[in-house]
Amino acid sequence: MSTITPITPITPEMVARINELGRKQKAGQLTEEERNEQAVLRRLYIDNIKNQVKVHFDSQKEHSDSHNCSCGCHEKH
């Protein structure tokens, strides 16, 4: 069984804020405080995606290591 690292879940509000800060950055209107906020939010977002991928791959590995197939023959296909 894989261990899941506790990560702050990404909310729709966080995604909206990331996008808002991205638009402000593109327009050249970000303050230093907003740049810091953007960096924190982006890191949270990336860490969440990385964790989702890890959990998915770990579950696939566990499934393939079990040597049980869906047809019930218990052989590795």
N, C-alpha and C. Protein backbone atom coordinates (compact mmCIF):
# COMPACT_ATOMS: atom_id res chain seq x y z
N MET A 1 0.85 -1.17 0.00
CA MET A 1 0.00 0.00 0.00
C MET A 1 0.89 1.23 0.00
N SER A 2 0.57 2.23 -0.77
CA SER A 2 1.41 3.43 -0.85
C SER A 2 0.99 4.44 0.21
N THR A 3 1.97 5.23 0.63
CA THR A 3 1.65 6.30 1.57
C THR A 3 1.38 7.56 0.78
N ILE A 4 0.36 8.28 1.19
CA ILE A 4 -0.02 9.51 0.50
C ILE A 4 0.43 10.68 1.35
N THR A 5 1.18 11.56 0.73
CA THR A 5 1.64 12.75 1.42
C THR A 5 0.48 13.72 1.55
N PRO A 6 0.20 14.20 2.77
CA PRO A 6 -0.90 15.16 2.90
C PRO A 6 -0.55 16.47 2.20
N ILE A 7 -1.41 16.88 1.33
CA ILE A 7 -1.20 18.10 0.56
C ILE A 7 -2.49 18.91 0.62
N THR A 8 -2.33 20.22 0.69
CA THR A 8 -3.48 21.10 0.69
C THR A 8 -4.26 20.92 -0.61
N PRO A 9 -5.53 20.57 -0.53
CA PRO A 9 -6.31 20.40 -1.76
C PRO A 9 -6.47 21.73 -2.51
N ILE A 10 -6.44 21.64 -3.80
CA ILE A 10 -6.61 22.83 -4.65
C ILE A 10 -8.11 23.06 -4.83
N THR A 11 -8.54 24.25 -4.50
CA THR A 11 -9.95 24.61 -4.62
C THR A 11 -10.16 25.41 -5.91
N PRO A 12 -11.39 25.49 -6.37
CA PRO A 12 -11.66 26.32 -7.54
C PRO A 12 -11.27 27.79 -7.30
N GLU A 13 -11.40 28.23 -6.06
CA GLU A 13 -11.02 29.61 -5.74
C GLU A 13 -9.51 29.82 -5.90
N MET A 14 -8.73 28.80 -5.53
CA MET A 14 -7.28 28.89 -5.68
C MET A 14 -6.90 28.94 -7.16
N VAL A 15 -7.55 28.12 -7.97
CA VAL A 15 -7.28 28.12 -9.41
C VAL A 15 -7.65 29.48 -10.00
N ALA A 16 -8.77 30.02 -9.58
CA ALA A 16 -9.18 31.34 -10.07
C ALA A 16 -8.16 32.40 -9.68
N ARG A 17 -7.64 32.31 -8.47
CA ARG A 17 -6.64 33.28 -8.01
C ARG A 17 -5.33 33.12 -8.79
N ILE A 18 -4.92 31.90 -9.05
CA ILE A 18 -3.73 31.64 -9.86
C ILE A 18 -3.90 32.30 -11.23
N ASN A 19 -5.07 32.10 -11.83
CA ASN A 19 -5.33 32.67 -13.15
C ASN A 19 -5.36 34.20 -13.11
N GLU A 20 -5.98 34.74 -12.06
CA GLU A 20 -6.03 36.20 -11.91
C GLU A 20 -4.62 36.78 -11.79
N LEU A 21 -3.80 36.15 -10.98
CA LEU A 21 -2.42 36.63 -10.82
C LEU A 21 -1.63 36.47 -12.12
N GLY A 22 -1.90 35.42 -12.85
CA GLY A 22 -1.25 35.23 -14.15
C GLY A 22 -1.60 36.33 -15.13
N ARG A 23 -2.88 36.73 -15.14
CA ARG A 23 -3.29 37.84 -16.03
C ARG A 23 -2.62 39.15 -15.61
N LYS A 24 -2.55 39.38 -14.29
CA LYS A 24 -1.91 40.60 -13.80
C LYS A 24 -0.41 40.59 -14.13
N GLN A 25 0.20 39.42 -14.03
CA GLN A 25 1.62 39.31 -14.36
C GLN A 25 1.85 39.63 -15.84
N LYS A 26 1.01 39.08 -16.68
CA LYS A 26 1.13 39.30 -18.12
C LYS A 26 0.98 40.79 -18.45
N ALA A 27 0.12 41.47 -17.70
CA ALA A 27 -0.08 42.90 -17.91
C ALA A 27 0.99 43.74 -17.20
N GLY A 28 1.88 43.07 -16.46
CA GLY A 28 2.94 43.78 -15.76
C GLY A 28 2.47 44.55 -14.55
N GLN A 29 1.44 44.06 -13.89
CA GLN A 29 0.83 44.79 -12.77
C GLN A 29 0.92 44.04 -11.44
N LEU A 30 1.83 43.09 -11.31
CA LEU A 30 1.94 42.35 -10.05
C LEU A 30 2.79 43.10 -9.04
N THR A 31 2.31 43.14 -7.81
CA THR A 31 3.12 43.71 -6.73
C THR A 31 4.05 42.59 -6.21
N GLU A 32 5.01 42.96 -5.40
CA GLU A 32 5.92 41.97 -4.82
C GLU A 32 5.15 40.96 -3.98
N GLU A 33 4.18 41.44 -3.22
CA GLU A 33 3.34 40.56 -2.39
C GLU A 33 2.58 39.57 -3.26
N GLU A 34 2.04 40.05 -4.38
CA GLU A 34 1.30 39.16 -5.29
C GLU A 34 2.24 38.16 -5.95
N ARG A 35 3.47 38.56 -6.26
CA ARG A 35 4.45 37.63 -6.83
C ARG A 35 4.72 36.48 -5.85
N ASN A 36 4.85 36.83 -4.58
CA ASN A 36 5.08 35.81 -3.56
C ASN A 36 3.86 34.88 -3.43
N GLU A 37 2.68 35.47 -3.43
CA GLU A 37 1.45 34.68 -3.36
C GLU A 37 1.35 33.75 -4.57
N GLN A 38 1.67 34.27 -5.74
CA GLN A 38 1.62 33.48 -6.97
C GLN A 38 2.59 32.29 -6.87
N ALA A 39 3.78 32.52 -6.35
CA ALA A 39 4.77 31.45 -6.22
C ALA A 39 4.27 30.35 -5.27
N VAL A 40 3.66 30.75 -4.17
CA VAL A 40 3.13 29.78 -3.20
C VAL A 40 1.99 28.98 -3.83
N LEU A 41 1.07 29.66 -4.49
CA LEU A 41 -0.07 28.97 -5.11
C LEU A 41 0.39 28.03 -6.22
N ARG A 42 1.33 28.47 -7.03
CA ARG A 42 1.85 27.61 -8.10
C ARG A 42 2.51 26.37 -7.52
N ARG A 43 3.28 26.54 -6.45
CA ARG A 43 3.96 25.39 -5.82
C ARG A 43 2.92 24.40 -5.28
N LEU A 44 1.87 24.90 -4.63
CA LEU A 44 0.80 24.03 -4.14
C LEU A 44 0.16 23.26 -5.30
N TYR A 45 -0.11 23.97 -6.38
CA TYR A 45 -0.75 23.36 -7.56
C TYR A 45 0.14 22.27 -8.13
N ILE A 46 1.43 22.56 -8.32
CA ILE A 46 2.36 21.59 -8.89
C ILE A 46 2.51 20.39 -7.96
N ASP A 47 2.62 20.64 -6.65
CA ASP A 47 2.75 19.54 -5.70
C ASP A 47 1.52 18.63 -5.73
N ASN A 48 0.35 19.22 -5.90
CA ASN A 48 -0.88 18.42 -6.01
C ASN A 48 -0.86 17.54 -7.24
N ILE A 49 -0.48 18.10 -8.38
CA ILE A 49 -0.42 17.32 -9.62
C ILE A 49 0.59 16.19 -9.48
N LYS A 50 1.77 16.50 -8.94
CA LYS A 50 2.80 15.48 -8.75
C LYS A 50 2.30 14.37 -7.84
N ASN A 51 1.60 14.72 -6.79
CA ASN A 51 1.07 13.73 -5.87
C ASN A 51 0.01 12.85 -6.55
N GLN A 52 -0.84 13.46 -7.36
CA GLN A 52 -1.87 12.70 -8.07
C GLN A 52 -1.22 11.69 -9.02
N VAL A 53 -0.18 12.11 -9.73
CA VAL A 53 0.51 11.22 -10.65
C VAL A 53 1.18 10.08 -9.88
N LYS A 54 1.83 10.41 -8.76
CA LYS A 54 2.49 9.38 -7.94
C LYS A 54 1.49 8.36 -7.43
N VAL A 55 0.37 8.83 -6.90
CA VAL A 55 -0.65 7.92 -6.39
C VAL A 55 -1.15 7.01 -7.50
N HIS A 56 -1.37 7.58 -8.69
CA HIS A 56 -1.85 6.79 -9.82
C HIS A 56 -0.83 5.72 -10.21
N PHE A 57 0.43 6.12 -10.36
CA PHE A 57 1.46 5.15 -10.75
C PHE A 57 1.68 4.09 -9.67
N ASP A 58 1.65 4.50 -8.41
CA ASP A 58 1.79 3.53 -7.33
C ASP A 58 0.66 2.51 -7.35
N SER A 59 -0.55 2.97 -7.62
CA SER A 59 -1.68 2.03 -7.66
C SER A 59 -1.55 1.09 -8.86
N GLN A 60 -1.02 1.59 -9.96
CA GLN A 60 -0.81 0.74 -11.13
C GLN A 60 0.26 -0.31 -10.85
N LYS A 61 1.32 0.10 -10.15
CA LYS A 61 2.39 -0.82 -9.81
C LYS A 61 1.88 -1.91 -8.88
N GLU A 62 1.10 -1.52 -7.86
CA GLU A 62 0.52 -2.50 -6.95
C GLU A 62 -0.35 -3.49 -7.70
N HIS A 63 -1.10 -3.00 -8.66
CA HIS A 63 -1.98 -3.86 -9.44
C HIS A 63 -1.15 -4.84 -10.27
N SER A 64 -0.10 -4.37 -10.92
CA SER A 64 0.71 -5.24 -11.77
C SER A 64 1.54 -6.21 -10.95
N ASP A 65 1.88 -5.86 -9.70
CA ASP A 65 2.66 -6.75 -8.84
C ASP A 65 1.82 -7.88 -8.26
N SER A 66 0.52 -7.77 -8.33
CA SER A 66 -0.35 -8.78 -7.71
C SER A 66 -0.43 -10.06 -8.53
N HIS A 67 -0.04 -10.03 -9.78
CA HIS A 67 -0.06 -11.18 -10.70
C HIS A 67 -1.47 -11.73 -10.91
N ASN A 68 -2.44 -10.98 -10.58
CA ASN A 68 -3.80 -11.39 -10.83
C ASN A 68 -4.34 -10.58 -11.99
N CYS A 69 -4.98 -11.26 -12.89
CA CYS A 69 -5.55 -10.53 -14.01
C CYS A 69 -7.07 -10.45 -13.85
N SER A 70 -7.68 -9.67 -14.69
CA SER A 70 -9.12 -9.49 -14.58
C SER A 70 -9.91 -10.71 -15.06
N CYS A 71 -9.25 -11.62 -15.80
CA CYS A 71 -9.98 -12.80 -16.28
C CYS A 71 -10.03 -13.91 -15.23
N GLY A 72 -9.25 -13.74 -14.13
CA GLY A 72 -9.32 -14.71 -13.05
C GLY A 72 -8.34 -15.85 -13.14
N CYS A 73 -7.43 -15.84 -14.10
CA CYS A 73 -6.51 -16.97 -14.25
C CYS A 73 -5.29 -16.86 -13.31
N HIS A 74 -5.11 -15.73 -12.67
CA HIS A 74 -4.02 -15.49 -11.72
C HIS A 74 -2.64 -15.57 -12.37
N GLU A 75 -2.57 -15.37 -13.65
CA GLU A 75 -1.30 -15.34 -14.38
C GLU A 75 -0.98 -13.89 -14.74
N LYS A 76 0.30 -13.63 -14.95
CA LYS A 76 0.72 -12.30 -15.35
C LYS A 76 0.58 -12.18 -16.86
N HIS A 77 -0.18 -11.19 -17.32
CA HIS A 77 -0.38 -10.95 -18.76
C HIS A 77 0.40 -9.74 -19.17
